[in-house]
Amino acid sequence: MRHEFFDDFTGAALDRDAWNVAMPGEPVNDELQAYCDSEETVRVTRPADPDDGCDGALVIQAHHRPGFAGPGGRAFDFISGRIDTRGKMEFTYGVLSARMKLPAGPGLWPAFWALGGAGTWPAAGEIDVMENVGEPDWVSAALHGPGYSGESGLANRMYFDNGEGASGWHVYQARWEPDRISFTVDGRLLYRATRPMVEYHGAWVYDTPKYLILNLAIGGTFPFKTNGIRSPYYGLAARTVHAVRAGTARVLVDWVRVEPL
């Protein structure tokens, strides 16, 4: 397995030797979307944002598709994208980074994270480098493992300074070491979890390989806990549905990198 990884998404299409694209599956966390392997939901575009030094980018975009048929005939009103490196690039320890631009709108749930490739969740371990639920002024980072998953996960938020915001370009990073994991945004410390902090709650499950994930979820438990919205959808505001319909509910990723310690 490779222990160094870089993709700046400047090719003609997504590198399928490096990335898997998720197909529709059973939803988790009461999310509203079905993930699809489609140019609509996952694509590479050039130039993406040349004024910001981005000459190519991954685009993960949500769409309103009422009645979309998922597994077992279940209907979904939204489709979106998720990619990962499982079985293609997995690593133990290192510096995980991505330069990303997030969409705005209550209930949009983009994430950059790493998950254990062996075993079941949460025993395999989860490192959430960046999560956002459409709030314009903060992002969060978290760890999930046995005894500290879901509601009891080890997590923290970082609030942006005035004039900044989650919808601008930022570098999200986690430095994963044998005894601690530190999270930063543009070099600013967001959170640090040490091995003793984790082991107070449960087992340290960060000595085994993890793979990268980038995705855009729609609605669900985490957004609902933040915004309390029940209508028109669980955790998803009406104005966000309009943004999805207008084609502005998309994540841009300039580059992704894994470096050894």
Protein backbone atom coordinates (compact mmCIF):
# COMPACT_ATOMS: atom_id res chain seq x y z
CA MET A 1 0.00 0.00 0.00
CA ARG A 2 1.15 3.52 -0.76
CA HIS A 3 1.94 5.80 2.14
CA GLU A 4 2.13 9.00 0.12
CA PHE A 5 -0.77 10.31 -1.92
CA PHE A 6 -1.58 13.42 -3.94
CA ASP A 7 -4.35 14.32 -6.35
CA ASP A 8 -4.90 17.83 -7.71
CA PHE A 9 -7.76 16.81 -10.02
CA THR A 10 -6.20 18.35 -13.14
CA GLY A 11 -6.77 15.31 -15.34
CA ALA A 12 -9.56 14.93 -17.86
CA ALA A 13 -11.60 12.84 -15.42
CA LEU A 14 -11.52 11.42 -11.91
CA ASP A 15 -8.62 8.99 -11.47
CA ARG A 16 -10.40 5.66 -10.95
CA ASP A 17 -7.09 4.00 -10.07
CA ALA A 18 -6.98 6.22 -6.99
CA TRP A 19 -10.66 6.63 -6.12
CA ASN A 20 -13.82 4.56 -5.78
CA VAL A 21 -17.16 6.25 -6.39
CA ALA A 22 -19.99 5.19 -4.11
CA MET A 23 -23.12 3.60 -5.52
CA PRO A 24 -26.57 3.87 -3.91
CA GLY A 25 -26.70 2.08 -0.58
CA GLU A 26 -28.69 2.08 2.60
CA PRO A 27 -28.59 5.58 4.12
CA VAL A 28 -27.14 6.24 7.57
CA ASN A 29 -27.74 9.04 10.09
CA ASP A 30 -31.22 9.63 8.59
CA GLU A 31 -29.57 11.26 5.57
CA LEU A 32 -31.79 12.13 2.62
CA GLN A 33 -29.55 11.40 -0.37
CA ALA A 34 -28.68 8.39 -2.47
CA TYR A 35 -25.05 8.37 -3.58
CA CYS A 36 -24.61 7.91 -7.32
CA ASP A 37 -21.72 7.25 -9.68
CA SER A 38 -22.64 9.91 -12.21
CA GLU A 39 -21.11 12.93 -13.92
CA GLU A 40 -23.93 14.87 -12.29
CA THR A 41 -22.71 14.10 -8.80
CA VAL A 42 -18.94 13.48 -9.15
CA ARG A 43 -16.77 15.07 -11.80
CA VAL A 44 -13.53 16.93 -12.46
CA THR A 45 -13.68 20.42 -13.93
CA ARG A 46 -11.02 22.71 -15.44
CA PRO A 47 -10.51 25.54 -14.83
CA ALA A 48 -12.34 25.46 -11.54
CA ASP A 49 -11.48 28.77 -9.92
CA PRO A 50 -8.41 30.33 -11.58
CA ASP A 51 -8.69 33.53 -9.56
CA ASP A 52 -7.98 31.47 -6.43
CA GLY A 53 -5.09 29.50 -7.93
CA CYS A 54 -7.26 26.48 -8.64
CA ASP A 55 -6.78 25.23 -12.21
CA GLY A 56 -8.70 22.03 -11.71
CA ALA A 57 -11.01 20.66 -9.05
CA LEU A 58 -13.14 17.78 -7.96
CA VAL A 59 -16.82 18.70 -7.90
CA ILE A 60 -19.24 16.81 -5.64
CA GLN A 61 -22.73 18.12 -6.32
CA ALA A 62 -26.20 17.40 -4.96
CA HIS A 63 -29.32 17.34 -7.14
CA HIS A 64 -33.04 17.28 -6.48
CA ARG A 65 -34.40 14.05 -7.99
CA PRO A 66 -37.77 13.29 -6.39
CA GLY A 67 -38.64 9.60 -6.58
CA PHE A 68 -35.12 8.39 -7.31
CA ALA A 69 -35.17 4.62 -6.76
CA GLY A 70 -32.56 3.40 -4.28
CA PRO A 71 -31.85 -0.06 -2.83
CA GLY A 72 -34.93 -2.21 -2.34
CA GLY A 73 -37.05 0.27 -4.25
CA ARG A 74 -36.74 2.96 -1.59
CA ALA A 75 -37.42 6.43 -3.00
CA PHE A 76 -35.09 9.36 -2.45
CA ASP A 77 -35.62 13.02 -3.31
CA PHE A 78 -31.90 13.82 -3.58
CA ILE A 79 -28.78 12.36 -5.13
CA SER A 80 -25.19 13.30 -4.32
CA GLY A 81 -21.61 12.04 -4.46
CA ARG A 82 -19.08 10.24 -2.29
CA ILE A 83 -15.60 8.98 -3.19
CA ASP A 84 -13.03 7.01 -1.21
CA THR A 85 -9.64 5.30 -1.50
CA ARG A 86 -10.58 2.00 0.16
CA GLY A 87 -8.42 -0.84 -1.15
CA LYS A 88 -6.42 1.61 -3.28
CA MET A 89 -4.67 3.87 -0.77
CA GLU A 90 -4.75 3.08 2.93
CA PHE A 91 -2.23 4.34 5.46
CA THR A 92 -1.30 4.42 9.13
CA TYR A 93 -0.18 7.80 10.53
CA GLY A 94 0.61 10.83 8.43
CA VAL A 95 -0.63 14.31 7.58
CA LEU A 96 -3.99 14.37 5.79
CA SER A 97 -4.81 17.62 3.96
CA ALA A 98 -7.34 18.96 1.48
CA ARG A 99 -8.01 22.42 0.07
CA MET A 100 -11.76 22.77 -0.18
CA LYS A 101 -14.58 25.23 -0.81
CA LEU A 102 -17.88 24.35 0.86
CA PRO A 103 -21.47 25.17 -0.10
CA ALA A 104 -23.75 27.28 2.08
CA GLY A 105 -27.20 26.28 3.26
CA PRO A 106 -28.63 24.68 6.42
CA GLY A 107 -28.61 20.91 5.99
CA LEU A 108 -25.79 20.54 3.48
CA TRP A 109 -23.30 18.16 5.11
CA PRO A 110 -19.89 18.00 3.39
CA ALA A 111 -17.09 16.02 5.01
CA PHE A 112 -13.44 15.06 4.59
CA TRP A 113 -12.59 12.05 6.74
CA ALA A 114 -10.73 8.77 7.16
CA LEU A 115 -12.17 5.41 8.15
CA GLY A 116 -10.67 2.10 9.20
CA GLY A 117 -10.64 -0.42 6.39
CA ALA A 118 -10.86 -3.52 8.58
CA GLY A 119 -13.60 -4.34 11.05
CA THR A 120 -16.92 -2.66 11.76
CA TRP A 121 -17.77 0.88 12.79
CA PRO A 122 -16.89 2.34 15.25
CA ALA A 123 -14.31 -0.25 16.30
CA ALA A 124 -12.31 0.39 13.11
CA GLY A 125 -11.91 4.07 14.03
CA GLU A 126 -13.02 7.28 12.30
CA ILE A 127 -11.09 10.53 11.88
CA ASP A 128 -13.27 13.46 10.80
CA VAL A 129 -10.85 16.06 9.46
CA MET A 130 -13.65 18.44 8.51
CA GLU A 131 -17.44 18.44 8.79
CA ASN A 132 -19.91 21.24 8.15
CA VAL A 133 -23.71 21.30 8.19
CA GLY A 134 -24.28 24.46 6.18
CA GLU A 135 -23.54 26.88 9.01
CA PRO A 136 -21.50 29.71 7.46
CA ASP A 137 -19.22 30.46 10.40
CA TRP A 138 -17.85 27.14 11.68
CA VAL A 139 -16.48 23.71 10.84
CA SER A 140 -15.85 20.78 13.17
CA ALA A 141 -13.43 17.88 13.63
CA ALA A 142 -14.00 14.65 15.55
CA LEU A 143 -12.88 11.15 16.46
CA HIS A 144 -15.23 8.18 16.72
CA GLY A 145 -14.34 4.82 18.18
CA PRO A 146 -15.63 2.22 20.66
CA GLY A 147 -17.13 4.04 23.63
CA TYR A 148 -16.94 7.48 22.00
CA SER A 149 -19.02 7.35 18.83
CA GLY A 150 -22.02 9.26 17.60
CA GLU A 151 -23.29 11.64 20.28
CA SER A 152 -20.35 10.83 22.55
CA GLY A 153 -17.66 11.34 19.91
CA LEU A 154 -14.63 13.47 20.79
CA ALA A 155 -15.22 16.67 18.82
CA ASN A 156 -14.66 20.41 18.63
CA ARG A 157 -15.66 23.36 16.45
CA MET A 158 -13.65 26.22 15.03
CA TYR A 159 -15.40 29.53 14.36
CA PHE A 160 -14.05 31.65 11.53
CA ASP A 161 -12.94 35.22 12.07
CA ASN A 162 -15.03 38.08 10.72
CA GLY A 163 -14.67 38.31 6.96
CA GLU A 164 -13.97 34.62 6.60
CA GLY A 165 -16.40 31.76 6.27
CA ALA A 166 -16.82 28.10 5.47
CA SER A 167 -17.79 28.90 1.88
CA GLY A 168 -14.30 30.24 1.10
CA TRP A 169 -11.20 28.24 0.19
CA HIS A 170 -9.52 26.66 3.22
CA VAL A 171 -6.95 23.93 3.90
CA TYR A 172 -8.28 21.32 6.33
CA GLN A 173 -5.65 19.09 7.90
CA ALA A 174 -5.16 16.35 10.47
CA ARG A 175 -1.76 15.30 11.77
CA TRP A 176 -2.15 11.67 12.83
CA GLU A 177 0.59 10.48 15.18
CA PRO A 178 0.92 7.34 17.32
CA ASP A 179 -0.12 9.19 20.47
CA ARG A 180 -2.24 12.12 19.26
CA ILE A 181 -4.26 13.55 16.39
CA SER A 182 -4.22 17.32 15.78
CA PHE A 183 -6.66 19.17 13.50
CA THR A 184 -6.01 22.53 11.85
CA VAL A 185 -7.72 24.93 9.45
CA ASP A 186 -5.28 27.04 7.41
CA GLY A 187 -2.65 26.18 10.01
CA ARG A 188 -4.81 27.32 12.93
CA LEU A 189 -5.32 24.67 15.60
CA LEU A 190 -8.91 23.46 15.80
CA TYR A 191 -8.56 20.47 18.14
CA ARG A 192 -6.03 18.05 19.57
CA ALA A 193 -6.97 14.64 20.99
CA THR A 194 -4.24 12.73 22.80
CA ARG A 195 -4.14 9.00 23.41
CA PRO A 196 -4.92 9.39 27.15
CA MET A 197 -7.92 11.59 26.29
CA VAL A 198 -9.26 8.90 23.98
CA GLU A 199 -8.50 6.00 26.29
CA TYR A 200 -10.46 7.65 29.08
CA HIS A 201 -13.55 6.90 26.97
CA GLY A 202 -12.54 3.71 25.14
CA ALA A 203 -9.88 1.97 23.08
CA TRP A 204 -7.38 3.90 20.96
CA VAL A 205 -8.10 2.49 17.48
CA TYR A 206 -5.68 4.64 15.50
CA ASP A 207 -2.80 2.23 14.97
CA THR A 208 -4.39 0.51 11.97
CA PRO A 209 -4.78 1.56 8.31
CA LYS A 210 -7.43 4.08 7.28
CA TYR A 211 -8.69 5.24 3.89
CA LEU A 212 -9.86 8.70 2.77
CA ILE A 213 -13.44 9.78 2.07
CA LEU A 214 -14.90 12.95 0.54
CA ASN A 215 -18.66 13.33 0.37
CA LEU A 216 -21.65 15.65 0.42
CA ALA A 217 -24.58 14.36 2.47
CA ILE A 218 -28.01 16.02 2.60
CA GLY A 219 -29.96 16.51 5.81
CA GLY A 220 -29.97 13.98 8.61
CA THR A 221 -29.22 13.79 12.31
CA PHE A 222 -26.16 16.05 12.61
CA PRO A 223 -27.74 18.94 10.66
CA PHE A 224 -31.01 18.51 12.56
CA LYS A 225 -29.23 18.68 15.92
CA THR A 226 -27.82 22.03 14.80
CA ASN A 227 -30.73 23.69 13.00
CA GLY A 228 -33.82 21.90 14.40
CA ILE A 229 -35.51 21.96 11.00
CA ARG A 230 -38.24 19.36 10.38
CA SER A 231 -39.85 20.75 7.24
CA PRO A 232 -39.68 20.53 4.29
CA TYR A 233 -37.14 17.81 5.18
CA TYR A 234 -35.43 16.52 8.31
CA GLY A 235 -32.51 18.87 8.96
CA LEU A 236 -32.84 20.61 5.58
CA ALA A 237 -34.13 24.16 5.06
CA ALA A 238 -36.43 25.20 2.23
CA ARG A 239 -33.87 27.71 0.99
CA THR A 240 -31.28 24.93 0.83
CA VAL A 241 -33.63 22.86 -1.33
CA HIS A 242 -33.82 25.88 -3.65
CA ALA A 243 -30.00 26.02 -3.72
CA VAL A 244 -29.84 22.35 -4.66
CA ARG A 245 -32.33 22.94 -7.47
CA ALA A 246 -30.32 25.97 -8.62
CA GLY A 247 -27.13 23.89 -8.88
CA THR A 248 -25.17 25.72 -6.19
CA ALA A 249 -25.04 22.87 -3.64
CA ARG A 250 -21.59 21.60 -4.51
CA VAL A 251 -18.23 21.00 -2.88
CA LEU A 252 -15.03 21.98 -4.70
CA VAL A 253 -11.78 20.19 -3.83
CA ASP A 254 -8.60 21.73 -5.22
CA TRP A 255 -6.29 18.96 -4.00
CA VAL A 256 -5.95 16.11 -1.50
CA ARG A 257 -2.66 15.00 0.03
CA VAL A 258 -1.33 12.40 2.49
CA GLU A 259 2.26 12.90 3.67
CA PRO A 260 4.31 10.66 5.95
CA LEU A 261 5.28 11.98 9.37
